[in-house]
């Protein structure tokens, strides 16, 4: 019995990444048949029996305590994002309620819709946890060249990154953007709230993009936070913006706005970007 999609798969992947010498264990002579840590080595580091750890990894123990999960996270040297992901996987395995309950909704809250307008001329979006574009101001649509041609119900940042040729021009460091986008989706995948939609999205992208499929198999986990991104626009050129992310709220929605440093050339670029939108005017687009 194996757990190919949940906690067991993640534990196996992370166990394979940790070298014995990383955690103070001798590497031993000759080649090891096991990549990374053996089960017995990880069990010893976490203070649990080999049999108990094996049952967790194989999905036969579905309710390990928080203390055991914390010990495994420390032994595997997980960062905060990976640790939170492991705890969520453990909650799912035990059929426990989410620690931060979310009721997903695609209906944009009036306050967020108003906020989209108030931040112009900064590009801004309301996104679901799966990166569906629930709403965007005109500057947001202008920033992601080509996304305005997607059917409203199909607009999704992950689809855009891997499925729209424009994305490789828009994101100057496309590879980094692709890695971070998939790592965020992996983090969200821990909760069963999005299971059906997530499965459909992953299957769709895996079939259409070998690059997505390869990144999905890496099990990298990263919740998106504010970061600086270098963009390229055909009418504006290259410029850097920093994203600020509010949420997710109880409905799973995130507000994402891109800003430039005051008085910088990047801020001048935002002014030029706004001028490309029907003479600087436009309507908020929602799904």
Foldseek 3Di string as FASTA:
>chain_A
DADCQFLLVLLLLLQLVAALVNQPHDNDPDDDPGRHHDLCVLCVQLVHHSVVSVCVNRLNDQADDPSSLVSSCVSSVPDPLVSLLNVLRSCVSVVHADPQAAAADLDDDPVLVVVQVVPPPWWKFKAFLQQQGQWTALLVCLLLPPLVPDPNRPHGVLCSLFPPPSNCQFFVPSVVVNLQSLQSLLSVCSHCSCVVVSVVVLVVSVVVGVVSVVSNSSSRHDHDAWDKTWTQHPQQGIAIWIWHWDDDDNNRMIMITTHDDPPDVNVVSSVVSCCVRVNNDDDMDGD
